[in-house]
């Protein structure tokens, strides 16, 4: 099995990212999440792609989805683990929306 590096970026300008993707001949056809996640075989390749997309590597996060939710909401890992279903089709739970960071 080949190792894989994963990098997450929070606070992303989605419109700017879509424009950068278009510049390099790519397109995002799915809704964008709270964060942007990239995966690849090595860090150097991810850093290069991040630079092409205008993402600041100094702000990269590594780890599970809890990191993203803690960045957007005032919650603990335990709070996140209580959410039974997280999909784009379901609205954000009211209790979670009430904890959204300003």
C-alpha atoms as a PDB file:
ATOM      1  CA  UNK A   1       0.000   0.000   0.000  1.00  0.00           C
ATOM      2  CA  UNK A   2       1.320   3.431  -0.949  1.00  0.00           C
ATOM      3  CA  UNK A   3       1.413   6.044   1.814  1.00  0.00           C
ATOM      4  CA  UNK A   4      -0.843   9.028   1.357  1.00  0.00           C
ATOM      5  CA  UNK A   5      -0.490  12.542   2.692  1.00  0.00           C
ATOM      6  CA  UNK A   6      -3.636  14.495   3.512  1.00  0.00           C
ATOM      7  CA  UNK A   7      -3.844  18.267   3.906  1.00  0.00           C
ATOM      8  CA  UNK A   8      -6.848  20.366   4.926  1.00  0.00           C
ATOM      9  CA  UNK A   9      -7.248  24.105   4.441  1.00  0.00           C
ATOM     10  CA  UNK A  10      -9.811  26.126   6.397  1.00  0.00           C
ATOM     11  CA  UNK A  11     -11.142  29.621   5.615  1.00  0.00           C
ATOM     12  CA  UNK A  12     -10.913  29.124   1.858  1.00  0.00           C
ATOM     13  CA  UNK A  13     -12.334  31.618  -0.642  1.00  0.00           C
ATOM     14  CA  UNK A  14     -14.316  29.129  -2.728  1.00  0.00           C
ATOM     15  CA  UNK A  15     -14.893  31.518  -5.640  1.00  0.00           C
ATOM     16  CA  UNK A  16     -11.160  32.250  -5.902  1.00  0.00           C
ATOM     17  CA  UNK A  17     -10.383  28.533  -5.678  1.00  0.00           C
ATOM     18  CA  UNK A  18     -12.833  27.701  -8.467  1.00  0.00           C
ATOM     19  CA  UNK A  19     -11.149  30.365 -10.632  1.00  0.00           C
ATOM     20  CA  UNK A  20      -7.688  28.898  -9.916  1.00  0.00           C
ATOM     21  CA  UNK A  21      -8.938  25.410 -10.751  1.00  0.00           C
ATOM     22  CA  UNK A  22     -10.262  26.716 -14.057  1.00  0.00           C
ATOM     23  CA  UNK A  23      -6.865  28.333 -14.784  1.00  0.00           C
ATOM     24  CA  UNK A  24      -5.123  24.956 -14.504  1.00  0.00           C
ATOM     25  CA  UNK A  25      -7.780  23.150 -16.542  1.00  0.00           C
ATOM     26  CA  UNK A  26      -9.685  21.582 -13.652  1.00  0.00           C
ATOM     27  CA  UNK A  27     -13.215  22.014 -12.377  1.00  0.00           C
ATOM     28  CA  UNK A  28     -15.013  21.383  -9.112  1.00  0.00           C
ATOM     29  CA  UNK A  29     -18.456  19.989  -9.902  1.00  0.00           C
ATOM     30  CA  UNK A  30     -19.426  19.026  -6.347  1.00  0.00           C
ATOM     31  CA  UNK A  31     -20.383  21.452  -3.589  1.00  0.00           C
ATOM     32  CA  UNK A  32     -17.381  22.610  -1.613  1.00  0.00           C
ATOM     33  CA  UNK A  33     -17.236  21.750   2.055  1.00  0.00           C
ATOM     34  CA  UNK A  34     -16.226  23.898   4.988  1.00  0.00           C
ATOM     35  CA  UNK A  35     -12.668  22.976   4.169  1.00  0.00           C
ATOM     36  CA  UNK A  36     -10.638  21.994   1.156  1.00  0.00           C
ATOM     37  CA  UNK A  37      -8.913  18.628   1.410  1.00  0.00           C
ATOM     38  CA  UNK A  38      -6.105  17.438  -0.827  1.00  0.00           C
ATOM     39  CA  UNK A  39      -4.553  13.990  -0.883  1.00  0.00           C
ATOM     40  CA  UNK A  40      -1.421  12.784  -2.604  1.00  0.00           C
ATOM     41  CA  UNK A  41       1.590  10.494  -2.402  1.00  0.00           C
ATOM     42  CA  UNK A  42       3.991  13.122  -1.053  1.00  0.00           C
ATOM     43  CA  UNK A  43       4.102  16.479   0.681  1.00  0.00           C
ATOM     44  CA  UNK A  44       6.113  18.167  -2.073  1.00  0.00           C
ATOM     45  CA  UNK A  45       3.376  17.490  -4.627  1.00  0.00           C
ATOM     46  CA  UNK A  46       0.692  18.807  -2.283  1.00  0.00           C
ATOM     47  CA  UNK A  47       2.714  21.943  -1.547  1.00  0.00           C
ATOM     48  CA  UNK A  48       3.103  22.562  -5.268  1.00  0.00           C
ATOM     49  CA  UNK A  49      -0.619  22.113  -5.914  1.00  0.00           C
ATOM     50  CA  UNK A  50      -1.505  24.318  -2.931  1.00  0.00           C
ATOM     51  CA  UNK A  51       0.717  27.085  -4.330  1.00  0.00           C
ATOM     52  CA  UNK A  52      -0.924  26.792  -7.773  1.00  0.00           C
ATOM     53  CA  UNK A  53      -4.334  27.093  -6.124  1.00  0.00           C
ATOM     54  CA  UNK A  54      -3.318  30.061  -3.991  1.00  0.00           C
ATOM     55  CA  UNK A  55      -3.607  28.139  -0.714  1.00  0.00           C
ATOM     56  CA  UNK A  56      -1.278  29.108   2.130  1.00  0.00           C
ATOM     57  CA  UNK A  57       0.672  26.001   3.181  1.00  0.00           C
ATOM     58  CA  UNK A  58       1.526  27.627   6.518  1.00  0.00           C
ATOM     59  CA  UNK A  59      -2.175  27.292   7.402  1.00  0.00           C
ATOM     60  CA  UNK A  60      -2.493  23.600   6.490  1.00  0.00           C
ATOM     61  CA  UNK A  61      -4.115  21.209   8.971  1.00  0.00           C
ATOM     62  CA  UNK A  62      -3.481  17.493   9.162  1.00  0.00           C
ATOM     63  CA  UNK A  63      -5.874  15.074  10.812  1.00  0.00           C
ATOM     64  CA  UNK A  64      -9.496  14.097  11.069  1.00  0.00           C
ATOM     65  CA  UNK A  65     -12.663  16.033  10.287  1.00  0.00           C
ATOM     66  CA  UNK A  66     -12.904  17.138  13.916  1.00  0.00           C
ATOM     67  CA  UNK A  67     -10.179  19.717  13.173  1.00  0.00           C
ATOM     68  CA  UNK A  68     -12.430  21.332  10.595  1.00  0.00           C
ATOM     69  CA  UNK A  69     -15.470  21.418  12.841  1.00  0.00           C
ATOM     70  CA  UNK A  70     -13.480  22.834  15.769  1.00  0.00           C
ATOM     71  CA  UNK A  71     -12.327  25.613  13.441  1.00  0.00           C
ATOM     72  CA  UNK A  72     -15.853  26.512  12.337  1.00  0.00           C
ATOM     73  CA  UNK A  73     -17.819  25.785  15.510  1.00  0.00           C
ATOM     74  CA  UNK A  74     -17.257  26.039  19.252  1.00  0.00           C
ATOM     75  CA  UNK A  75     -17.342  22.266  19.819  1.00  0.00           C
ATOM     76  CA  UNK A  76     -15.282  19.394  21.167  1.00  0.00           C
ATOM     77  CA  UNK A  77     -14.401  16.131  19.438  1.00  0.00           C
ATOM     78  CA  UNK A  78     -17.001  14.476  21.657  1.00  0.00           C
ATOM     79  CA  UNK A  79     -19.683  16.880  20.357  1.00  0.00           C
ATOM     80  CA  UNK A  80     -18.758  16.060  16.753  1.00  0.00           C
ATOM     81  CA  UNK A  81     -18.770  12.327  17.377  1.00  0.00           C
ATOM     82  CA  UNK A  82     -22.398  12.583  18.590  1.00  0.00           C
ATOM     83  CA  UNK A  83     -23.564  13.702  15.131  1.00  0.00           C
ATOM     84  CA  UNK A  84     -25.070  10.608  13.553  1.00  0.00           C
ATOM     85  CA  UNK A  85     -25.268  11.788   9.943  1.00  0.00           C
ATOM     86  CA  UNK A  86     -23.314  14.522   8.170  1.00  0.00           C
ATOM     87  CA  UNK A  87     -24.176  15.018   4.494  1.00  0.00           C
ATOM     88  CA  UNK A  88     -24.682  17.879   2.054  1.00  0.00           C
ATOM     89  CA  UNK A  89     -28.322  16.822   1.690  1.00  0.00           C
ATOM     90  CA  UNK A  90     -29.131  17.317   5.390  1.00  0.00           C
ATOM     91  CA  UNK A  91     -29.229  20.777   7.000  1.00  0.00           C
ATOM     92  CA  UNK A  92     -26.714  21.578   9.710  1.00  0.00           C
ATOM     93  CA  UNK A  93     -28.185  20.560  13.081  1.00  0.00           C
ATOM     94  CA  UNK A  94     -29.663  23.572  14.911  1.00  0.00           C
ATOM     95  CA  UNK A  95     -27.540  23.006  18.029  1.00  0.00           C
ATOM     96  CA  UNK A  96     -24.401  23.002  15.878  1.00  0.00           C
ATOM     97  CA  UNK A  97     -25.388  26.087  13.892  1.00  0.00           C
ATOM     98  CA  UNK A  98     -25.899  27.917  17.195  1.00  0.00           C
ATOM     99  CA  UNK A  99     -22.233  27.249  17.993  1.00  0.00           C
ATOM    100  CA  UNK A 100     -20.874  28.621  14.702  1.00  0.00           C
ATOM    101  CA  UNK A 101     -17.896  30.898  15.275  1.00  0.00           C
ATOM    102  CA  UNK A 102     -18.338  34.497  14.146  1.00  0.00           C
END
